[in-house]
Amino acid sequence: MNPRHASFLMIIAACLWGTHPVLIQLADWPPLGTAWIRGISCAVVLALYIHLNGFFSAKSPWLQFFCGLPLALNSLLFVSASTYTSPANAVVLMFIFPWVTIVLDFITKGAKPLRGDLLRLSLGLIGIVMIVSAGINGKGTIGDIYALLAGLCIAVHIFFGQRLSERHNGNHEILNAMLIGWLLSCIFLAPFAFNSPIPTSTQMGYLLIFGILSAVPWLLWGKSVAFIPGHVIAALLSVEVFMAALCGWLIFGEELAKLAVIGSALILGAATMQILSGVSKQRSD
């Protein structure tokens, strides 16, 4: 897969992820049970995809485990964040991850991002700050902390996933690592899900939609993450912030001020520029 194709898949995934905070709030089911629904959905879809394509691989089991575990933790933390803070805020604060991946790559490989990538990343982050400043969020300190920790986990997942790709030259091991992560999530969260109240028909409908819109983007992520540097992923995934803000405005009537509109335009512009530029490779001094 070439980087531009991978970028398009990542953009589609970001758009679908942007609907998650609103769906989580609409379902209004216990966070740990909702995270279990996500884990089950993703595990089933990934297992079917791996089985049908013959992608099963366990060449680096420990590396796969360390790639999958933070993914499971991210799922739990992000669902909790979406429950206790606003939809846009849950997504915005998770964007600590590109800076963490940059630091990890510099420490381990001495790698630095190209200036053009940093410019587009910064442009997207300026847009994110503008959306925050417009007052879309601002509630739920506990949720904010969960979102920051979710971002840290996704950075660790990206780091180990790209190490898998470098070692085995492909994305098969990453997909298997993700399956491990979702299976761990299902196992850890099953007791909480079974102790949750039985969902109403309306809740079940939202949970099913949430499950489907969780599994598809994570599959797209697994297919494309090996071909894009971690900091470049952020420029593409910033579209998720725009989608979360848009969904919050459409569903909950959250204010979408002029500053937020400008910020959304910057986010979309940064993602578009990244694709048009052709995803660049990292360089080392």
Protein backbone atom coordinates (compact mmCIF):
# COMPACT_ATOMS: atom_id res chain seq x y z
CA MET A 1 0.00 0.00 0.00
CA ASN A 2 1.37 3.44 -0.87
CA PRO A 3 1.29 6.32 1.66
CA ARG A 4 -1.35 8.30 -0.23
CA HIS A 5 -3.77 5.36 -0.29
CA ALA A 6 -3.09 4.79 3.41
CA SER A 7 -3.83 8.47 4.05
CA PHE A 8 -7.26 8.24 2.41
CA LEU A 9 -8.10 5.22 4.56
CA MET A 10 -6.99 7.11 7.66
CA ILE A 11 -9.21 10.08 6.74
CA ILE A 12 -12.23 7.79 6.37
CA ALA A 13 -11.42 6.21 9.74
CA ALA A 14 -11.16 9.67 11.34
CA CYS A 15 -14.59 10.68 10.02
CA LEU A 16 -16.15 7.54 11.49
CA TRP A 17 -14.34 7.99 14.83
CA GLY A 18 -15.68 11.53 15.06
CA THR A 19 -19.18 10.11 15.55
CA HIS A 20 -18.20 8.00 18.58
CA PRO A 21 -18.45 10.53 21.44
CA VAL A 22 -22.01 11.45 20.45
CA LEU A 23 -23.05 7.80 20.04
CA ILE A 24 -21.57 6.96 23.45
CA GLN A 25 -23.59 9.72 25.08
CA LEU A 26 -26.75 8.80 23.18
CA ALA A 27 -26.45 5.15 24.25
CA ASP A 28 -26.09 6.30 27.87
CA TRP A 29 -24.87 2.89 29.02
CA PRO A 30 -22.14 2.25 31.64
CA PRO A 31 -18.70 3.19 30.17
CA LEU A 32 -17.09 -0.19 30.83
CA GLY A 33 -19.98 -2.02 29.20
CA THR A 34 -19.81 0.30 26.19
CA ALA A 35 -16.08 -0.33 25.90
CA TRP A 36 -16.84 -4.07 25.94
CA ILE A 37 -19.26 -3.62 23.02
CA ARG A 38 -16.49 -1.87 21.10
CA GLY A 39 -14.02 -4.65 21.93
CA ILE A 40 -16.38 -7.43 20.84
CA SER A 41 -17.23 -5.67 17.57
CA CYS A 42 -13.62 -4.95 16.67
CA ALA A 43 -12.42 -8.42 17.65
CA VAL A 44 -15.07 -10.17 15.52
CA VAL A 45 -14.45 -8.03 12.43
CA LEU A 46 -10.65 -8.28 12.72
CA ALA A 47 -10.74 -12.04 13.32
CA LEU A 48 -12.91 -12.56 10.24
CA TYR A 49 -10.67 -10.34 8.12
CA ILE A 50 -7.49 -12.10 9.27
CA HIS A 51 -9.04 -15.55 8.77
CA LEU A 52 -10.43 -14.81 5.30
CA ASN A 53 -7.14 -13.30 4.10
CA GLY A 54 -4.80 -15.78 5.78
CA PHE A 55 -3.03 -13.01 7.70
CA PHE A 56 -2.51 -14.87 10.98
CA SER A 57 1.03 -14.33 12.25
CA ALA A 58 2.82 -14.69 15.58
CA LYS A 59 6.41 -14.00 14.58
CA SER A 60 6.95 -11.44 17.36
CA PRO A 61 4.44 -12.36 20.09
CA TRP A 62 5.82 -10.07 22.80
CA LEU A 63 6.04 -7.10 20.46
CA GLN A 64 2.49 -7.82 19.35
CA PHE A 65 1.39 -7.95 23.00
CA PHE A 66 3.00 -4.59 23.80
CA CYS A 67 1.32 -3.15 20.71
CA GLY A 68 -2.10 -4.60 21.54
CA LEU A 69 -2.24 -3.87 25.29
CA PRO A 70 -2.20 -0.03 25.00
CA LEU A 71 -4.91 -0.33 22.34
CA ALA A 72 -7.14 -2.12 24.86
CA LEU A 73 -6.37 0.54 27.48
CA ASN A 74 -7.09 3.30 24.97
CA SER A 75 -10.54 1.87 24.32
CA LEU A 76 -11.41 1.86 28.01
CA LEU A 77 -10.02 5.34 28.63
CA PHE A 78 -11.60 6.96 25.56
CA VAL A 79 -15.08 5.58 26.29
CA SER A 80 -14.74 6.82 29.88
CA ALA A 81 -13.59 10.23 28.65
CA SER A 82 -16.54 10.49 26.24
CA THR A 83 -18.89 9.73 29.14
CA TYR A 84 -17.53 12.38 31.50
CA THR A 85 -16.66 15.25 29.16
CA SER A 86 -18.00 16.82 25.96
CA PRO A 87 -17.70 15.04 22.58
CA ALA A 88 -15.18 17.51 21.15
CA ASN A 89 -13.10 17.58 24.32
CA ALA A 90 -12.77 13.80 24.42
CA VAL A 91 -11.20 13.87 20.96
CA VAL A 92 -9.20 17.08 21.32
CA LEU A 93 -7.22 16.11 24.41
CA MET A 94 -6.30 12.72 22.96
CA PHE A 95 -4.21 14.61 20.39
CA ILE A 96 -1.28 14.61 22.78
CA PHE A 97 -0.25 11.44 20.92
CA PRO A 98 1.63 12.96 17.92
CA TRP A 99 4.05 14.80 20.16
CA VAL A 100 4.64 11.65 22.21
CA THR A 101 5.38 9.65 19.03
CA ILE A 102 7.81 12.34 17.86
CA VAL A 103 9.67 12.17 21.19
CA LEU A 104 9.73 8.35 21.17
CA ASP A 105 11.05 8.23 17.60
CA PHE A 106 13.72 10.81 18.41
CA ILE A 107 14.85 8.96 21.56
CA THR A 108 14.94 5.52 19.94
CA LYS A 109 16.06 6.35 16.39
CA GLY A 110 17.21 9.96 16.42
CA ALA A 111 14.49 10.62 13.82
CA LYS A 112 13.07 14.08 13.20
CA PRO A 113 9.93 14.96 11.22
CA LEU A 114 10.20 17.03 8.07
CA ARG A 115 9.38 20.71 8.44
CA GLY A 116 6.43 20.42 6.08
CA ASP A 117 4.90 17.70 8.24
CA LEU A 118 5.38 19.77 11.38
CA LEU A 119 3.80 22.76 9.66
CA ARG A 120 0.69 20.78 8.76
CA LEU A 121 0.55 19.21 12.21
CA SER A 122 0.84 22.65 13.82
CA LEU A 123 -1.86 24.03 11.52
CA GLY A 124 -4.21 21.26 12.57
CA LEU A 125 -3.41 21.79 16.25
CA ILE A 126 -4.08 25.53 15.92
CA GLY A 127 -7.48 24.61 14.55
CA ILE A 128 -8.05 22.30 17.50
CA VAL A 129 -7.13 25.04 19.98
CA MET A 130 -9.53 27.42 18.23
CA ILE A 131 -12.37 24.91 18.59
CA VAL A 132 -11.57 24.50 22.29
CA SER A 133 -11.39 28.26 22.77
CA ALA A 134 -14.79 28.66 21.12
CA GLY A 135 -16.33 26.96 24.12
CA ILE A 136 -17.43 23.62 22.69
CA ASN A 137 -16.01 21.92 25.73
CA GLY A 138 -14.91 22.89 29.20
CA LYS A 139 -16.57 20.37 31.52
CA GLY A 140 -15.48 17.19 33.18
CA THR A 141 -11.98 17.25 34.66
CA ILE A 142 -11.98 13.48 35.17
CA GLY A 143 -12.98 12.99 31.54
CA ASP A 144 -10.16 15.30 30.45
CA ILE A 145 -7.62 13.21 32.34
CA TYR A 146 -8.98 10.02 30.79
CA ALA A 147 -8.68 11.58 27.32
CA LEU A 148 -5.03 12.58 27.90
CA LEU A 149 -4.19 9.07 29.09
CA ALA A 150 -6.00 7.63 26.05
CA GLY A 151 -3.75 9.75 23.83
CA LEU A 152 -0.65 8.46 25.60
CA CYS A 153 -1.82 4.87 25.06
CA ILE A 154 -2.45 5.36 21.35
CA ALA A 155 1.05 6.84 20.99
CA VAL A 156 2.57 3.72 22.57
CA HIS A 157 0.40 1.55 20.31
CA ILE A 158 1.64 3.43 17.21
CA PHE A 159 5.25 3.17 18.37
CA PHE A 160 5.20 -0.61 18.84
CA GLY A 161 3.04 -1.10 15.73
CA GLN A 162 5.57 0.65 13.54
CA ARG A 163 8.38 -1.36 15.12
CA LEU A 164 6.45 -4.47 14.06
CA SER A 165 6.16 -3.11 10.55
CA GLU A 166 9.90 -2.36 10.36
CA ARG A 167 10.79 -5.84 11.59
CA HIS A 168 8.42 -7.77 9.30
CA ASN A 169 7.83 -5.33 6.42
CA GLY A 170 4.05 -5.22 6.35
CA ASN A 171 0.87 -4.80 8.38
CA HIS A 172 -0.05 -8.44 9.06
CA GLU A 173 1.61 -8.44 12.50
CA ILE A 174 -0.05 -5.14 13.40
CA LEU A 175 -3.49 -6.55 12.58
CA ASN A 176 -2.75 -9.56 14.78
CA ALA A 177 -1.51 -7.28 17.56
CA MET A 178 -4.74 -5.31 17.35
CA LEU A 179 -6.73 -8.53 17.61
CA ILE A 180 -4.80 -9.38 20.78
CA GLY A 181 -5.65 -5.94 22.14
CA TRP A 182 -9.35 -6.27 21.46
CA LEU A 183 -9.47 -9.78 22.90
CA LEU A 184 -7.78 -8.51 26.07
CA SER A 185 -10.34 -5.72 26.19
CA CYS A 186 -13.20 -8.24 25.90
CA ILE A 187 -11.77 -10.44 28.67
CA PHE A 188 -11.05 -7.61 31.12
CA LEU A 189 -14.39 -5.86 30.58
CA ALA A 190 -16.74 -8.86 30.39
CA PRO A 191 -17.56 -8.90 34.15
CA PHE A 192 -18.47 -5.19 34.07
CA ALA A 193 -20.61 -5.62 30.94
CA PHE A 194 -22.52 -8.56 32.41
CA ASN A 195 -23.17 -6.59 35.61
CA SER A 196 -24.51 -3.60 33.67
CA PRO A 197 -28.27 -3.04 33.40
CA ILE A 198 -29.99 -4.61 30.40
CA PRO A 199 -30.04 -1.97 27.66
CA THR A 200 -33.34 -0.71 26.32
CA SER A 201 -34.16 -1.19 22.64
CA THR A 202 -33.07 2.39 21.95
CA GLN A 203 -29.81 1.91 23.80
CA MET A 204 -29.19 -1.36 22.00
CA GLY A 205 -29.69 0.38 18.66
CA TYR A 206 -27.11 3.03 19.47
CA LEU A 207 -24.71 0.41 20.83
CA LEU A 208 -24.98 -1.65 17.63
CA ILE A 209 -24.29 1.43 15.49
CA PHE A 210 -21.39 2.30 17.77
CA GLY A 211 -20.01 -1.24 17.45
CA ILE A 212 -20.11 -1.16 13.65
CA LEU A 213 -18.63 2.33 13.46
CA SER A 214 -15.87 1.16 15.82
CA ALA A 215 -14.88 -1.98 13.97
CA VAL A 216 -14.64 -0.48 10.46
CA PRO A 217 -12.27 2.42 11.25
CA TRP A 218 -10.01 0.25 13.41
CA LEU A 219 -9.70 -2.19 10.51
CA LEU A 220 -8.77 0.71 8.23
CA TRP A 221 -6.29 1.87 10.88
CA GLY A 222 -4.64 -1.54 11.04
CA LYS A 223 -4.25 -1.66 7.25
CA SER A 224 -2.72 1.82 6.96
CA VAL A 225 -0.89 2.76 10.17
CA ALA A 226 2.32 0.96 9.15
CA PHE A 227 2.75 3.21 6.12
CA ILE A 228 2.44 6.65 7.78
CA PRO A 229 4.71 8.23 10.45
CA GLY A 230 3.01 8.81 13.81
CA HIS A 231 3.13 12.60 13.67
CA VAL A 232 1.67 12.60 10.13
CA ILE A 233 -1.22 10.45 11.34
CA ALA A 234 -2.22 13.33 13.64
CA ALA A 235 -2.59 15.74 10.72
CA LEU A 236 -4.98 13.28 9.11
CA LEU A 237 -6.87 12.29 12.25
CA SER A 238 -7.48 15.93 13.19
CA VAL A 239 -10.55 15.62 10.94
CA GLU A 240 -11.98 13.57 13.81
CA VAL A 241 -12.12 16.75 15.94
CA PHE A 242 -14.14 18.51 13.24
CA MET A 243 -16.55 15.57 13.00
CA ALA A 244 -16.96 15.37 16.79
CA ALA A 245 -17.71 19.10 16.95
CA LEU A 246 -20.12 18.88 14.02
CA CYS A 247 -21.96 15.92 15.55
CA GLY A 248 -22.13 17.67 18.93
CA TRP A 249 -23.69 20.69 17.24
CA LEU A 250 -26.16 18.67 15.15
CA ILE A 251 -27.26 16.26 17.90
CA PHE A 252 -26.84 18.15 21.18
CA GLY A 253 -27.01 21.72 19.92
CA GLU A 254 -23.56 22.55 21.28
CA GLU A 255 -22.50 26.01 20.20
CA LEU A 256 -20.45 26.17 16.99
CA ALA A 257 -19.02 29.68 17.10
CA LYS A 258 -17.24 31.50 14.27
CA LEU A 259 -13.89 30.71 15.87
CA ALA A 260 -14.80 27.01 15.83
CA VAL A 261 -15.75 27.21 12.16
CA ILE A 262 -12.38 28.79 11.33
CA GLY A 263 -10.61 26.14 13.40
CA SER A 264 -12.50 23.39 11.58
CA ALA A 265 -11.43 24.87 8.24
CA LEU A 266 -7.78 24.83 9.37
CA ILE A 267 -8.10 21.19 10.44
CA LEU A 268 -9.60 20.13 7.12
CA GLY A 269 -7.04 22.20 5.24
CA ALA A 270 -4.13 20.58 7.09
CA ALA A 271 -5.44 17.08 6.36
CA THR A 272 -6.01 17.90 2.69
CA MET A 273 -2.53 19.41 2.34
CA GLN A 274 -1.03 16.29 3.88
CA ILE A 275 -2.67 14.05 1.30
CA LEU A 276 -1.86 16.31 -1.64
CA SER A 277 1.75 16.56 -0.59
CA GLY A 278 2.13 12.79 -0.65
CA VAL A 279 2.94 11.52 2.81
CA SER A 280 6.57 12.28 3.45
CA LYS A 281 9.07 10.05 5.16
CA GLN A 282 10.93 10.86 8.33
CA ARG A 283 14.56 11.88 8.11
CA SER A 284 17.41 11.51 10.54
CA ASP A 285 20.26 13.91 11.18
